C-alpha cells in the first residue's frame, strides 16, 4: 500500500458520520452450485460496465468509504475484473472474494487487492465438494490458498459456520493457523420469504445448515476467544465473538443494525440498499444527493430496529465500522491493522 493511499484511508477512518464499508456484488454469475445458496439458480447477465463501476467508486470515495469488498456471484468471472480491482485499489482497502476456483488464474490482478478471501468449509474434501456442489472444489481452493500465500498475497480462508461443519471448526482453524494462514468466518444465515423485493437474493433455509446445536456454537465462540488471545490470525474481534456467543446462549443481540450508516450494499446493477435483505432505495449514482436526506434518515431508523438476520459481516460492521468501532479494533490488536502498514 502506498503512503499516499494509507494516509488517505487513515483520514477517512477518523472522519465521523461517514460510511466505512461497502460490499459491491459486481456480478450475479457463479460457477459453483453451493447448497446453501441460490445465486446460481437465479442468474442475471445484466451488470454495470467497468466504466460505470469506476464512476461509482469515485462516488464512494467522496462519501468517505474506507473499505470495498468485491464479491458476487464470483467476481473473478468478470472479464474486466482486473480493471475494476486496479481502480478500486487506488483509493480503498480492497477485499476480493473467490470460491477458490479462479484465484490462481487471476493472481496478477489479486496482487493489487489488500486482501483475498477464499471459501473453504471443511477439511474433508468430499464434504466440502458436497457443500459447494462441484467435484474438485476443495482441491482447487486449497491450491489457490497455498499459491497466493506463497506469492506473498494477503489471503485468508473463509468458512461458513453451519450445522454441517460446526463440530470441526476448531480443528479447521488450528489446521490453517499452523500454516500461517488467517481465518475469517461467515455464519450461516438465509433470506426469509418476507424479503421478496430484496436487493440481492442469496439463499433460503436449508435444514442441513441451520445451527441447531446452540450449546456447541457457544463452545466454538469460547474456544475462538481463547485461541485469539494467542493468535491474531483469527480475523474476528473479541467484541464480535462475544456478541455471537450471547446471541446463541440467550438469543440476545448486543448490537443494533447500522445498515446505511456504517455500511451498505450495492448489487450488480448498481442498486443500493442498507443490506442485501432490504429492497433497493437508490442507484449508486443518486447517493450524493440522498446520503444526508430525510428519506435515508428514516431508513436508518427502520434498519436499526431490524433483527431478522445473523449475517456475520453485518454484525461486524454494526459493531465496528465507525470511529469508535475502529478504535476498538486498535485496542483489540486485530491483525488487519498490519495490512494498512504493508507495502506491496
C-alpha atoms as a PDB file:
ATOM      1  CA  UNK A   1       0.000   0.000   0.000  1.00  0.00           C
ATOM      2  CA  UNK A   2       1.405   3.412  -0.935  1.00  0.00           C
ATOM      3  CA  UNK A   3       1.948   6.010   1.768  1.00  0.00           C
ATOM      4  CA  UNK A   4      -0.457   8.350  -0.030  1.00  0.00           C
ATOM      5  CA  UNK A   5      -3.210   5.744  -0.034  1.00  0.00           C
ATOM      6  CA  UNK A   6      -2.535   4.803   3.587  1.00  0.00           C
ATOM      7  CA  UNK A   7      -2.792   8.436   4.720  1.00  0.00           C
ATOM      8  CA  UNK A   8      -5.988   8.929   2.742  1.00  0.00           C
ATOM      9  CA  UNK A   9      -7.513   5.843   4.371  1.00  0.00           C
ATOM     10  CA  UNK A  10      -6.440   6.938   7.855  1.00  0.00           C
ATOM     11  CA  UNK A  11      -8.142  10.311   7.353  1.00  0.00           C
ATOM     12  CA  UNK A  12     -11.348   8.591   6.283  1.00  0.00           C
ATOM     13  CA  UNK A  13     -11.152   6.122   9.180  1.00  0.00           C
ATOM     14  CA  UNK A  14     -11.049   9.042  11.619  1.00  0.00           C
ATOM     15  CA  UNK A  15     -13.844  11.021   9.936  1.00  0.00           C
ATOM     16  CA  UNK A  16     -17.112  10.815  11.928  1.00  0.00           C
ATOM     17  CA  UNK A  17     -20.545  10.047  10.468  1.00  0.00           C
ATOM     18  CA  UNK A  18     -19.202   8.509   7.274  1.00  0.00           C
ATOM     19  CA  UNK A  19     -19.948   5.071   5.802  1.00  0.00           C
ATOM     20  CA  UNK A  20     -16.996   2.777   6.409  1.00  0.00           C
ATOM     21  CA  UNK A  21     -17.679  -0.430   4.480  1.00  0.00           C
ATOM     22  CA  UNK A  22     -19.363  -1.228   1.172  1.00  0.00           C
ATOM     23  CA  UNK A  23     -19.942  -4.662  -0.270  1.00  0.00           C
ATOM     24  CA  UNK A  24     -20.287  -4.467  -4.040  1.00  0.00           C
ATOM     25  CA  UNK A  25     -21.705  -7.618  -5.597  1.00  0.00           C
ATOM     26  CA  UNK A  26     -20.382  -6.814  -9.063  1.00  0.00           C
ATOM     27  CA  UNK A  27     -21.908  -9.872 -10.744  1.00  0.00           C
ATOM     28  CA  UNK A  28     -24.561 -12.484 -10.172  1.00  0.00           C
ATOM     29  CA  UNK A  29     -22.732 -15.029 -12.301  1.00  0.00           C
ATOM     30  CA  UNK A  30     -21.380 -18.023 -10.422  1.00  0.00           C
ATOM     31  CA  UNK A  31     -19.647 -21.240 -11.486  1.00  0.00           C
ATOM     32  CA  UNK A  32     -20.457 -23.207  -8.306  1.00  0.00           C
ATOM     33  CA  UNK A  33     -23.668 -24.803  -7.049  1.00  0.00           C
ATOM     34  CA  UNK A  34     -23.443 -24.242  -3.304  1.00  0.00           C
ATOM     35  CA  UNK A  35     -26.285 -25.975  -1.470  1.00  0.00           C
ATOM     36  CA  UNK A  36     -26.867 -23.099   0.935  1.00  0.00           C
ATOM     37  CA  UNK A  37     -27.127 -20.507  -1.828  1.00  0.00           C
ATOM     38  CA  UNK A  38     -29.457 -19.821  -4.732  1.00  0.00           C
ATOM     39  CA  UNK A  39     -27.420 -17.269  -6.706  1.00  0.00           C
ATOM     40  CA  UNK A  40     -26.511 -19.935  -9.263  1.00  0.00           C
ATOM     41  CA  UNK A  41     -30.198 -20.832  -9.635  1.00  0.00           C
ATOM     42  CA  UNK A  42     -31.161 -17.251 -10.486  1.00  0.00           C
ATOM     43  CA  UNK A  43     -28.554 -15.945 -12.913  1.00  0.00           C
ATOM     44  CA  UNK A  44     -28.716 -12.413 -14.298  1.00  0.00           C
ATOM     45  CA  UNK A  45     -26.369 -11.285 -17.048  1.00  0.00           C
ATOM     46  CA  UNK A  46     -27.232  -7.611 -16.625  1.00  0.00           C
ATOM     47  CA  UNK A  47     -24.455  -5.786 -14.778  1.00  0.00           C
ATOM     48  CA  UNK A  48     -22.723  -2.418 -14.764  1.00  0.00           C
ATOM     49  CA  UNK A  49     -19.752  -1.939 -17.051  1.00  0.00           C
ATOM     50  CA  UNK A  50     -16.270  -1.366 -15.648  1.00  0.00           C
ATOM     51  CA  UNK A  51     -16.541   2.335 -16.511  1.00  0.00           C
ATOM     52  CA  UNK A  52     -19.824   2.633 -14.623  1.00  0.00           C
ATOM     53  CA  UNK A  53     -18.329   0.847 -11.626  1.00  0.00           C
ATOM     54  CA  UNK A  54     -15.361   3.229 -11.656  1.00  0.00           C
ATOM     55  CA  UNK A  55     -17.773   6.172 -11.639  1.00  0.00           C
ATOM     56  CA  UNK A  56     -19.490   4.566  -8.675  1.00  0.00           C
ATOM     57  CA  UNK A  57     -16.167   4.060  -6.873  1.00  0.00           C
ATOM     58  CA  UNK A  58     -15.437   7.771  -7.281  1.00  0.00           C
ATOM     59  CA  UNK A  59     -18.741   8.490  -5.543  1.00  0.00           C
ATOM     60  CA  UNK A  60     -17.882   6.116  -2.692  1.00  0.00           C
ATOM     61  CA  UNK A  61     -14.538   7.833  -2.161  1.00  0.00           C
ATOM     62  CA  UNK A  62     -16.208  11.244  -1.921  1.00  0.00           C
ATOM     63  CA  UNK A  63     -18.690   9.809   0.598  1.00  0.00           C
ATOM     64  CA  UNK A  64     -15.752   8.769   2.777  1.00  0.00           C
ATOM     65  CA  UNK A  65     -15.914   4.991   2.312  1.00  0.00           C
ATOM     66  CA  UNK A  66     -12.765   3.219   3.520  1.00  0.00           C
ATOM     67  CA  UNK A  67     -13.254  -0.416   2.602  1.00  0.00           C
ATOM     68  CA  UNK A  68     -14.741  -2.018  -0.502  1.00  0.00           C
ATOM     69  CA  UNK A  69     -15.451  -5.734  -0.608  1.00  0.00           C
ATOM     70  CA  UNK A  70     -15.780  -7.024  -4.163  1.00  0.00           C
ATOM     71  CA  UNK A  71     -17.987 -10.100  -4.324  1.00  0.00           C
ATOM     72  CA  UNK A  72     -20.724 -11.739  -6.356  1.00  0.00           C
ATOM     73  CA  UNK A  73     -21.600 -14.417  -7.508  1.00  0.00           C
ATOM     74  CA  UNK A  74     -17.967 -14.948  -8.285  1.00  0.00           C
ATOM     75  CA  UNK A  75     -16.451 -11.569  -9.196  1.00  0.00           C
ATOM     76  CA  UNK A  76     -13.464 -13.208 -10.893  1.00  0.00           C
ATOM     77  CA  UNK A  77     -15.806 -14.441 -13.632  1.00  0.00           C
ATOM     78  CA  UNK A  78     -15.975 -10.886 -14.980  1.00  0.00           C
ATOM     79  CA  UNK A  79     -13.606 -10.415 -17.904  1.00  0.00           C
ATOM     80  CA  UNK A  80     -12.896  -6.856 -16.732  1.00  0.00           C
ATOM     81  CA  UNK A  81     -12.286  -7.715 -13.066  1.00  0.00           C
ATOM     82  CA  UNK A  82      -8.590  -6.830 -13.394  1.00  0.00           C
ATOM     83  CA  UNK A  83      -9.540  -3.281 -14.390  1.00  0.00           C
ATOM     84  CA  UNK A  84     -12.062  -2.989 -11.557  1.00  0.00           C
ATOM     85  CA  UNK A  85      -9.641  -4.219  -8.862  1.00  0.00           C
ATOM     86  CA  UNK A  86      -6.876  -1.973 -10.175  1.00  0.00           C
ATOM     87  CA  UNK A  87      -9.060   1.117  -9.984  1.00  0.00           C
ATOM     88  CA  UNK A  88     -10.589   0.282  -6.605  1.00  0.00           C
ATOM     89  CA  UNK A  89      -7.167  -0.390  -5.095  1.00  0.00           C
ATOM     90  CA  UNK A  90      -6.083   3.203  -5.754  1.00  0.00           C
ATOM     91  CA  UNK A  91      -8.381   4.559  -3.072  1.00  0.00           C
ATOM     92  CA  UNK A  92      -9.795   1.814  -0.861  1.00  0.00           C
ATOM     93  CA  UNK A  93      -8.826  -1.066   1.342  1.00  0.00           C
ATOM     94  CA  UNK A  94      -9.960  -3.769  -1.102  1.00  0.00           C
ATOM     95  CA  UNK A  95     -11.039  -7.309  -0.283  1.00  0.00           C
ATOM     96  CA  UNK A  96     -11.903  -9.750  -3.069  1.00  0.00           C
ATOM     97  CA  UNK A  97     -13.935 -12.913  -2.522  1.00  0.00           C
ATOM     98  CA  UNK A  98     -13.438 -16.090  -4.558  1.00  0.00           C
ATOM     99  CA  UNK A  99     -14.790 -19.602  -4.143  1.00  0.00           C
ATOM    100  CA  UNK A 100     -11.297 -20.894  -4.825  1.00  0.00           C
ATOM    101  CA  UNK A 101     -11.863 -21.767  -8.456  1.00  0.00           C
ATOM    102  CA  UNK A 102     -10.236 -18.796 -10.198  1.00  0.00           C
ATOM    103  CA  UNK A 103      -7.852 -17.042  -7.788  1.00  0.00           C
ATOM    104  CA  UNK A 104      -4.778 -18.879  -9.057  1.00  0.00           C
ATOM    105  CA  UNK A 105      -5.598 -17.803 -12.627  1.00  0.00           C
ATOM    106  CA  UNK A 106      -6.152 -14.171 -11.594  1.00  0.00           C
ATOM    107  CA  UNK A 107      -3.124 -13.860  -9.352  1.00  0.00           C
ATOM    108  CA  UNK A 108      -1.700 -10.781 -11.095  1.00  0.00           C
ATOM    109  CA  UNK A 109      -4.961  -8.875 -10.612  1.00  0.00           C
ATOM    110  CA  UNK A 110      -5.236 -10.045  -6.998  1.00  0.00           C
ATOM    111  CA  UNK A 111      -1.784  -8.678  -6.174  1.00  0.00           C
ATOM    112  CA  UNK A 112      -3.421  -5.243  -6.185  1.00  0.00           C
ATOM    113  CA  UNK A 113      -6.024  -6.246  -3.595  1.00  0.00           C
ATOM    114  CA  UNK A 114      -5.238  -5.745   0.083  1.00  0.00           C
ATOM    115  CA  UNK A 115      -6.910  -8.979   0.994  1.00  0.00           C
ATOM    116  CA  UNK A 116      -8.262 -12.095  -0.758  1.00  0.00           C
ATOM    117  CA  UNK A 117     -10.807 -14.364   0.944  1.00  0.00           C
ATOM    118  CA  UNK A 118     -11.148 -17.954  -0.277  1.00  0.00           C
ATOM    119  CA  UNK A 119     -14.185 -20.008   0.722  1.00  0.00           C
ATOM    120  CA  UNK A 120     -13.483 -23.448   2.188  1.00  0.00           C
ATOM    121  CA  UNK A 121     -15.980 -25.128   4.518  1.00  0.00           C
ATOM    122  CA  UNK A 122     -14.344 -28.377   5.623  1.00  0.00           C
ATOM    123  CA  UNK A 123     -11.038 -30.230   5.846  1.00  0.00           C
ATOM    124  CA  UNK A 124     -12.852 -33.210   4.344  1.00  0.00           C
ATOM    125  CA  UNK A 125     -12.666 -32.867   0.540  1.00  0.00           C
ATOM    126  CA  UNK A 126     -15.825 -34.894  -0.074  1.00  0.00           C
ATOM    127  CA  UNK A 127     -17.864 -32.913   2.446  1.00  0.00           C
ATOM    128  CA  UNK A 128     -16.573 -29.598   1.103  1.00  0.00           C
ATOM    129  CA  UNK A 129     -17.335 -30.601  -2.504  1.00  0.00           C
ATOM    130  CA  UNK A 130     -20.813 -31.717  -1.472  1.00  0.00           C
ATOM    131  CA  UNK A 131     -21.482 -28.337   0.150  1.00  0.00           C
ATOM    132  CA  UNK A 132     -20.067 -26.495  -2.871  1.00  0.00           C
ATOM    133  CA  UNK A 133     -21.900 -28.692  -5.354  1.00  0.00           C
ATOM    134  CA  UNK A 134     -18.829 -29.119  -7.569  1.00  0.00           C
ATOM    135  CA  UNK A 135     -16.394 -32.016  -7.636  1.00  0.00           C
ATOM    136  CA  UNK A 136     -12.808 -30.929  -7.075  1.00  0.00           C
ATOM    137  CA  UNK A 137     -13.763 -27.633  -5.385  1.00  0.00           C
ATOM    138  CA  UNK A 138     -11.730 -28.429  -2.239  1.00  0.00           C
ATOM    139  CA  UNK A 139      -8.558 -29.282  -4.158  1.00  0.00           C
ATOM    140  CA  UNK A 140      -8.716 -26.132  -6.287  1.00  0.00           C
ATOM    141  CA  UNK A 141      -9.386 -23.923  -3.257  1.00  0.00           C
ATOM    142  CA  UNK A 142      -6.511 -25.411  -1.230  1.00  0.00           C
ATOM    143  CA  UNK A 143      -4.142 -24.981  -4.171  1.00  0.00           C
ATOM    144  CA  UNK A 144      -5.282 -21.368  -4.617  1.00  0.00           C
ATOM    145  CA  UNK A 145      -4.724 -20.539  -0.936  1.00  0.00           C
ATOM    146  CA  UNK A 146      -1.266 -22.096  -0.947  1.00  0.00           C
ATOM    147  CA  UNK A 147      -0.318 -20.344  -4.189  1.00  0.00           C
ATOM    148  CA  UNK A 148      -1.433 -16.902  -3.007  1.00  0.00           C
ATOM    149  CA  UNK A 149       0.201 -17.417   0.391  1.00  0.00           C
ATOM    150  CA  UNK A 150       3.487 -18.420  -1.252  1.00  0.00           C
ATOM    151  CA  UNK A 151       3.301 -15.383  -3.542  1.00  0.00           C
ATOM    152  CA  UNK A 152       3.012 -13.073  -0.517  1.00  0.00           C
ATOM    153  CA  UNK A 153      -0.596 -12.071  -1.170  1.00  0.00           C
ATOM    154  CA  UNK A 154      -2.722 -11.479   1.936  1.00  0.00           C
ATOM    155  CA  UNK A 155      -5.080 -14.441   1.743  1.00  0.00           C
ATOM    156  CA  UNK A 156      -7.461 -15.919   4.291  1.00  0.00           C
ATOM    157  CA  UNK A 157      -9.627 -18.994   4.412  1.00  0.00           C
ATOM    158  CA  UNK A 158     -13.298 -18.160   4.962  1.00  0.00           C
ATOM    159  CA  UNK A 159     -15.507 -20.981   6.223  1.00  0.00           C
ATOM    160  CA  UNK A 160     -19.229 -20.509   6.667  1.00  0.00           C
ATOM    161  CA  UNK A 161     -20.033 -21.894  10.108  1.00  0.00           C
ATOM    162  CA  UNK A 162     -23.145 -24.080   9.914  1.00  0.00           C
ATOM    163  CA  UNK A 163     -24.534 -27.241  11.462  1.00  0.00           C
ATOM    164  CA  UNK A 164     -22.756 -29.148   8.686  1.00  0.00           C
ATOM    165  CA  UNK A 165     -19.275 -28.181   9.912  1.00  0.00           C
ATOM    166  CA  UNK A 166     -19.886 -26.881  13.440  1.00  0.00           C
ATOM    167  CA  UNK A 167     -18.028 -29.678  15.202  1.00  0.00           C
ATOM    168  CA  UNK A 168     -14.885 -29.322  13.117  1.00  0.00           C
ATOM    169  CA  UNK A 169     -14.488 -25.530  13.136  1.00  0.00           C
ATOM    170  CA  UNK A 170     -11.848 -25.526  15.891  1.00  0.00           C
ATOM    171  CA  UNK A 171      -9.732 -28.244  14.225  1.00  0.00           C
ATOM    172  CA  UNK A 172     -10.251 -26.439  10.900  1.00  0.00           C
ATOM    173  CA  UNK A 173      -8.999 -23.203  12.454  1.00  0.00           C
ATOM    174  CA  UNK A 174      -5.937 -24.847  14.017  1.00  0.00           C
ATOM    175  CA  UNK A 175      -5.051 -26.508  10.712  1.00  0.00           C
ATOM    176  CA  UNK A 176      -4.759 -23.239   8.809  1.00  0.00           C
ATOM    177  CA  UNK A 177      -3.264 -21.260  11.687  1.00  0.00           C
ATOM    178  CA  UNK A 178      -0.448 -23.813  11.817  1.00  0.00           C
ATOM    179  CA  UNK A 179       0.251 -22.928   8.176  1.00  0.00           C
ATOM    180  CA  UNK A 180       0.279 -19.194   8.944  1.00  0.00           C
ATOM    181  CA  UNK A 181      -2.958 -18.609   7.045  1.00  0.00           C
ATOM    182  CA  UNK A 182      -5.542 -16.312   8.693  1.00  0.00           C
ATOM    183  CA  UNK A 183      -9.185 -17.266   9.162  1.00  0.00           C
ATOM    184  CA  UNK A 184     -12.189 -15.019   8.641  1.00  0.00           C
ATOM    185  CA  UNK A 185     -15.586 -16.575   9.359  1.00  0.00           C
ATOM    186  CA  UNK A 186     -19.028 -16.312   7.887  1.00  0.00           C
ATOM    187  CA  UNK A 187     -22.079 -17.507   9.778  1.00  0.00           C
ATOM    188  CA  UNK A 188     -24.814 -19.423   8.018  1.00  0.00           C
ATOM    189  CA  UNK A 189     -27.897 -17.328   7.516  1.00  0.00           C
ATOM    190  CA  UNK A 190     -30.583 -17.177   4.888  1.00  0.00           C
ATOM    191  CA  UNK A 191     -33.051 -14.820   3.279  1.00  0.00           C
ATOM    192  CA  UNK A 192     -36.594 -15.081   4.590  1.00  0.00           C
ATOM    193  CA  UNK A 193     -39.613 -15.027   2.300  1.00  0.00           C
ATOM    194  CA  UNK A 194     -40.538 -11.622   3.698  1.00  0.00           C
ATOM    195  CA  UNK A 195     -37.815 -10.086   1.572  1.00  0.00           C
ATOM    196  CA  UNK A 196     -39.331 -10.812  -1.846  1.00  0.00           C
ATOM    197  CA  UNK A 197     -38.117  -7.448  -3.186  1.00  0.00           C
ATOM    198  CA  UNK A 198     -34.668  -7.678  -1.626  1.00  0.00           C
ATOM    199  CA  UNK A 199     -31.643  -6.146  -3.314  1.00  0.00           C
ATOM    200  CA  UNK A 200     -29.788  -9.407  -3.902  1.00  0.00           C
ATOM    201  CA  UNK A 201     -31.256 -12.806  -3.051  1.00  0.00           C
ATOM    202  CA  UNK A 202     -28.632 -15.207  -1.706  1.00  0.00           C
ATOM    203  CA  UNK A 203     -30.231 -18.227  -0.086  1.00  0.00           C
ATOM    204  CA  UNK A 204     -33.179 -19.887   1.555  1.00  0.00           C
ATOM    205  CA  UNK A 205     -33.337 -22.007   4.689  1.00  0.00           C
ATOM    206  CA  UNK A 206     -31.568 -25.369   4.368  1.00  0.00           C
ATOM    207  CA  UNK A 207     -32.098 -27.815   7.245  1.00  0.00           C
ATOM    208  CA  UNK A 208     -28.621 -29.284   6.837  1.00  0.00           C
ATOM    209  CA  UNK A 209     -27.033 -25.902   7.588  1.00  0.00           C
ATOM    210  CA  UNK A 210     -29.324 -24.380  10.223  1.00  0.00           C
ATOM    211  CA  UNK A 211     -27.400 -24.288  13.509  1.00  0.00           C
ATOM    212  CA  UNK A 212     -29.488 -26.389  15.885  1.00  0.00           C
ATOM    213  CA  UNK A 213     -26.845 -27.197  18.491  1.00  0.00           C
ATOM    214  CA  UNK A 214     -26.667 -23.791  20.131  1.00  0.00           C
ATOM    215  CA  UNK A 215     -24.554 -25.095  23.030  1.00  0.00           C
ATOM    216  CA  UNK A 216     -21.921 -26.290  20.571  1.00  0.00           C
ATOM    217  CA  UNK A 217     -21.934 -22.878  18.886  1.00  0.00           C
ATOM    218  CA  UNK A 218     -21.343 -21.215  22.253  1.00  0.00           C
ATOM    219  CA  UNK A 219     -18.417 -23.576  22.886  1.00  0.00           C
ATOM    220  CA  UNK A 220     -16.956 -22.667  19.485  1.00  0.00           C
ATOM    221  CA  UNK A 221     -17.112 -18.994  20.440  1.00  0.00           C
ATOM    222  CA  UNK A 222     -15.428 -19.713  23.782  1.00  0.00           C
ATOM    223  CA  UNK A 223     -12.655 -21.680  22.086  1.00  0.00           C
ATOM    224  CA  UNK A 224     -12.054 -18.962  19.478  1.00  0.00           C
ATOM    225  CA  UNK A 225     -11.984 -16.297  22.191  1.00  0.00           C
ATOM    226  CA  UNK A 226      -9.294 -18.267  23.995  1.00  0.00           C
ATOM    227  CA  UNK A 227      -7.313 -19.025  20.838  1.00  0.00           C
ATOM    228  CA  UNK A 228      -7.224 -15.455  19.572  1.00  0.00           C
ATOM    229  CA  UNK A 229      -5.579 -14.294  22.783  1.00  0.00           C
ATOM    230  CA  UNK A 230      -2.506 -16.061  21.405  1.00  0.00           C
ATOM    231  CA  UNK A 231      -3.028 -15.744  17.661  1.00  0.00           C
ATOM    232  CA  UNK A 232      -4.103 -12.588  15.812  1.00  0.00           C
ATOM    233  CA  UNK A 233      -4.615 -14.617  12.628  1.00  0.00           C
ATOM    234  CA  UNK A 234      -8.162 -15.268  13.814  1.00  0.00           C
ATOM    235  CA  UNK A 235      -9.649 -12.281  11.999  1.00  0.00           C
ATOM    236  CA  UNK A 236     -12.650 -11.616  14.169  1.00  0.00           C
ATOM    237  CA  UNK A 237     -12.683  -9.292  17.129  1.00  0.00           C
ATOM    238  CA  UNK A 238     -13.346 -10.212  20.732  1.00  0.00           C
ATOM    239  CA  UNK A 239     -16.384  -7.959  20.810  1.00  0.00           C
ATOM    240  CA  UNK A 240     -17.966  -9.657  17.798  1.00  0.00           C
ATOM    241  CA  UNK A 241     -17.275 -13.140  19.166  1.00  0.00           C
ATOM    242  CA  UNK A 242     -18.880 -12.183  22.473  1.00  0.00           C
ATOM    243  CA  UNK A 243     -21.905 -10.813  20.619  1.00  0.00           C
ATOM    244  CA  UNK A 244     -22.318 -14.036  18.633  1.00  0.00           C
ATOM    245  CA  UNK A 245     -21.915 -16.087  21.818  1.00  0.00           C
ATOM    246  CA  UNK A 246     -24.624 -14.043  23.530  1.00  0.00           C
ATOM    247  CA  UNK A 247     -26.923 -14.472  20.541  1.00  0.00           C
ATOM    248  CA  UNK A 248     -26.690 -18.266  20.718  1.00  0.00           C
ATOM    249  CA  UNK A 249     -26.657 -18.571  24.505  1.00  0.00           C
ATOM    250  CA  UNK A 250     -29.616 -16.311  25.297  1.00  0.00           C
ATOM    251  CA  UNK A 251     -30.952 -15.086  21.938  1.00  0.00           C
ATOM    252  CA  UNK A 252     -29.975 -11.547  22.976  1.00  0.00           C
ATOM    253  CA  UNK A 253     -28.494  -9.099  20.478  1.00  0.00           C
ATOM    254  CA  UNK A 254     -25.786  -6.858  21.881  1.00  0.00           C
ATOM    255  CA  UNK A 255     -25.790  -4.651  18.786  1.00  0.00           C
ATOM    256  CA  UNK A 256     -28.189  -2.618  16.716  1.00  0.00           C
ATOM    257  CA  UNK A 257     -28.003  -2.832  12.955  1.00  0.00           C
ATOM    258  CA  UNK A 258     -26.189   0.117  11.385  1.00  0.00           C
ATOM    259  CA  UNK A 259     -27.089  -0.556   7.762  1.00  0.00           C
ATOM    260  CA  UNK A 260     -26.930   2.579   5.603  1.00  0.00           C
ATOM    261  CA  UNK A 261     -24.780   4.155   8.329  1.00  0.00           C
ATOM    262  CA  UNK A 262     -21.573   2.164   8.844  1.00  0.00           C
ATOM    263  CA  UNK A 263     -22.142   0.020   5.772  1.00  0.00           C
ATOM    264  CA  UNK A 264     -24.324  -0.601   2.752  1.00  0.00           C
ATOM    265  CA  UNK A 265     -24.529  -2.959  -0.198  1.00  0.00           C
ATOM    266  CA  UNK A 266     -24.546  -2.456  -3.975  1.00  0.00           C
ATOM    267  CA  UNK A 267     -25.702  -5.104  -6.421  1.00  0.00           C
ATOM    268  CA  UNK A 268     -24.581  -5.954  -9.960  1.00  0.00           C
ATOM    269  CA  UNK A 269     -26.975  -3.400 -11.437  1.00  0.00           C
ATOM    270  CA  UNK A 270     -25.690  -0.566  -9.269  1.00  0.00           C
ATOM    271  CA  UNK A 271     -28.714  -0.556  -6.962  1.00  0.00           C
ATOM    272  CA  UNK A 272     -28.100   0.346  -3.307  1.00  0.00           C
ATOM    273  CA  UNK A 273     -29.657  -0.944  -0.076  1.00  0.00           C
ATOM    274  CA  UNK A 274     -28.669  -0.905   3.562  1.00  0.00           C
ATOM    275  CA  UNK A 275     -28.152  -4.652   3.264  1.00  0.00           C
ATOM    276  CA  UNK A 276     -28.998  -7.226   0.618  1.00  0.00           C
ATOM    277  CA  UNK A 277     -32.119  -8.302   2.543  1.00  0.00           C
ATOM    278  CA  UNK A 278     -33.877  -4.982   2.014  1.00  0.00           C
ATOM    279  CA  UNK A 279     -35.229  -3.556  -1.204  1.00  0.00           C
ATOM    280  CA  UNK A 280     -33.166  -1.102  -3.276  1.00  0.00           C
ATOM    281  CA  UNK A 281     -33.501   2.520  -2.196  1.00  0.00           C
ATOM    282  CA  UNK A 282     -31.329   4.282  -4.756  1.00  0.00           C
ATOM    283  CA  UNK A 283     -28.872   3.958  -7.593  1.00  0.00           C
ATOM    284  CA  UNK A 284     -25.182   4.354  -6.768  1.00  0.00           C
ATOM    285  CA  UNK A 285     -25.276   7.485  -8.931  1.00  0.00           C
ATOM    286  CA  UNK A 286     -28.024   9.031  -6.769  1.00  0.00           C
ATOM    287  CA  UNK A 287     -26.169   8.585  -3.466  1.00  0.00           C
ATOM    288  CA  UNK A 288     -24.548  12.050  -3.268  1.00  0.00           C
ATOM    289  CA  UNK A 289     -27.986  13.705  -3.258  1.00  0.00           C
ATOM    290  CA  UNK A 290     -29.600  11.205  -0.886  1.00  0.00           C
ATOM    291  CA  UNK A 291     -26.980  10.333   1.736  1.00  0.00           C
ATOM    292  CA  UNK A 292     -27.940  13.125   4.139  1.00  0.00           C
ATOM    293  CA  UNK A 293     -31.626  13.224   3.161  1.00  0.00           C
ATOM    294  CA  UNK A 294     -34.582  12.698   5.494  1.00  0.00           C
ATOM    295  CA  UNK A 295     -35.514   9.676   3.394  1.00  0.00           C
ATOM    296  CA  UNK A 296     -32.235   7.968   4.325  1.00  0.00           C
ATOM    297  CA  UNK A 297     -32.508   9.056   7.967  1.00  0.00           C
ATOM    298  CA  UNK A 298     -35.911   7.380   8.151  1.00  0.00           C
ATOM    299  CA  UNK A 299     -34.473   4.221   6.578  1.00  0.00           C
ATOM    300  CA  UNK A 300     -31.631   4.176   9.114  1.00  0.00           C
ATOM    301  CA  UNK A 301     -34.129   4.303  11.959  1.00  0.00           C
ATOM    302  CA  UNK A 302     -36.043   1.435  10.360  1.00  0.00           C
ATOM    303  CA  UNK A 303     -32.953  -0.703   9.824  1.00  0.00           C
ATOM    304  CA  UNK A 304     -31.654  -0.101  13.363  1.00  0.00           C
ATOM    305  CA  UNK A 305     -34.704  -1.936  14.683  1.00  0.00           C
ATOM    306  CA  UNK A 306     -34.273  -4.911  12.331  1.00  0.00           C
ATOM    307  CA  UNK A 307     -33.421  -8.255  13.962  1.00  0.00           C
ATOM    308  CA  UNK A 308     -34.040 -10.596  11.066  1.00  0.00           C
ATOM    309  CA  UNK A 309     -30.592 -11.918  10.137  1.00  0.00           C
ATOM    310  CA  UNK A 310     -27.374 -13.351  11.510  1.00  0.00           C
ATOM    311  CA  UNK A 311     -25.083 -12.463   8.616  1.00  0.00           C
ATOM    312  CA  UNK A 312     -21.733 -12.071  10.356  1.00  0.00           C
ATOM    313  CA  UNK A 313     -20.477  -9.295   8.082  1.00  0.00           C
ATOM    314  CA  UNK A 314     -23.498  -7.152   9.041  1.00  0.00           C
ATOM    315  CA  UNK A 315     -22.947  -7.916  12.711  1.00  0.00           C
ATOM    316  CA  UNK A 316     -19.274  -6.979  12.409  1.00  0.00           C
ATOM    317  CA  UNK A 317     -19.844  -3.638  10.699  1.00  0.00           C
ATOM    318  CA  UNK A 318     -22.697  -2.765  13.023  1.00  0.00           C
ATOM    319  CA  UNK A 319     -20.357  -3.224  15.985  1.00  0.00           C
ATOM    320  CA  UNK A 320     -17.357  -1.703  14.221  1.00  0.00           C
ATOM    321  CA  UNK A 321     -17.136   0.438  11.083  1.00  0.00           C
ATOM    322  CA  UNK A 322     -17.187   3.919  12.637  1.00  0.00           C
ATOM    323  CA  UNK A 323     -14.576   5.970  14.515  1.00  0.00           C
ATOM    324  CA  UNK A 324     -15.383   4.432  17.905  1.00  0.00           C
ATOM    325  CA  UNK A 325     -15.544   0.948  16.403  1.00  0.00           C
ATOM    326  CA  UNK A 326     -12.217   1.440  14.662  1.00  0.00           C
ATOM    327  CA  UNK A 327     -10.594   2.436  17.926  1.00  0.00           C
ATOM    328  CA  UNK A 328     -11.953  -0.759  19.451  1.00  0.00           C
ATOM    329  CA  UNK A 329     -10.216  -2.717  16.703  1.00  0.00           C
ATOM    330  CA  UNK A 330      -6.956  -0.941  17.524  1.00  0.00           C
ATOM    331  CA  UNK A 331      -7.421  -1.805  21.197  1.00  0.00           C
ATOM    332  CA  UNK A 332      -8.204  -5.386  20.248  1.00  0.00           C
ATOM    333  CA  UNK A 333      -4.929  -5.626  18.284  1.00  0.00           C
ATOM    334  CA  UNK A 334      -6.706  -7.035  15.264  1.00  0.00           C
ATOM    335  CA  UNK A 335      -4.280  -8.322  12.634  1.00  0.00           C
ATOM    336  CA  UNK A 336      -5.874  -6.372   9.778  1.00  0.00           C
ATOM    337  CA  UNK A 337      -4.092  -3.255  11.016  1.00  0.00           C
ATOM    338  CA  UNK A 338      -0.879  -4.799   9.734  1.00  0.00           C
ATOM    339  CA  UNK A 339      -2.331  -4.778   6.226  1.00  0.00           C
ATOM    340  CA  UNK A 340      -2.620  -0.986   6.357  1.00  0.00           C
ATOM    341  CA  UNK A 341       1.099  -0.755   7.031  1.00  0.00           C
ATOM    342  CA  UNK A 342       2.163  -3.305   4.465  1.00  0.00           C
ATOM    343  CA  UNK A 343       3.507  -2.046   1.146  1.00  0.00           C
ATOM    344  CA  UNK A 344       3.412  -4.181  -1.950  1.00  0.00           C
END
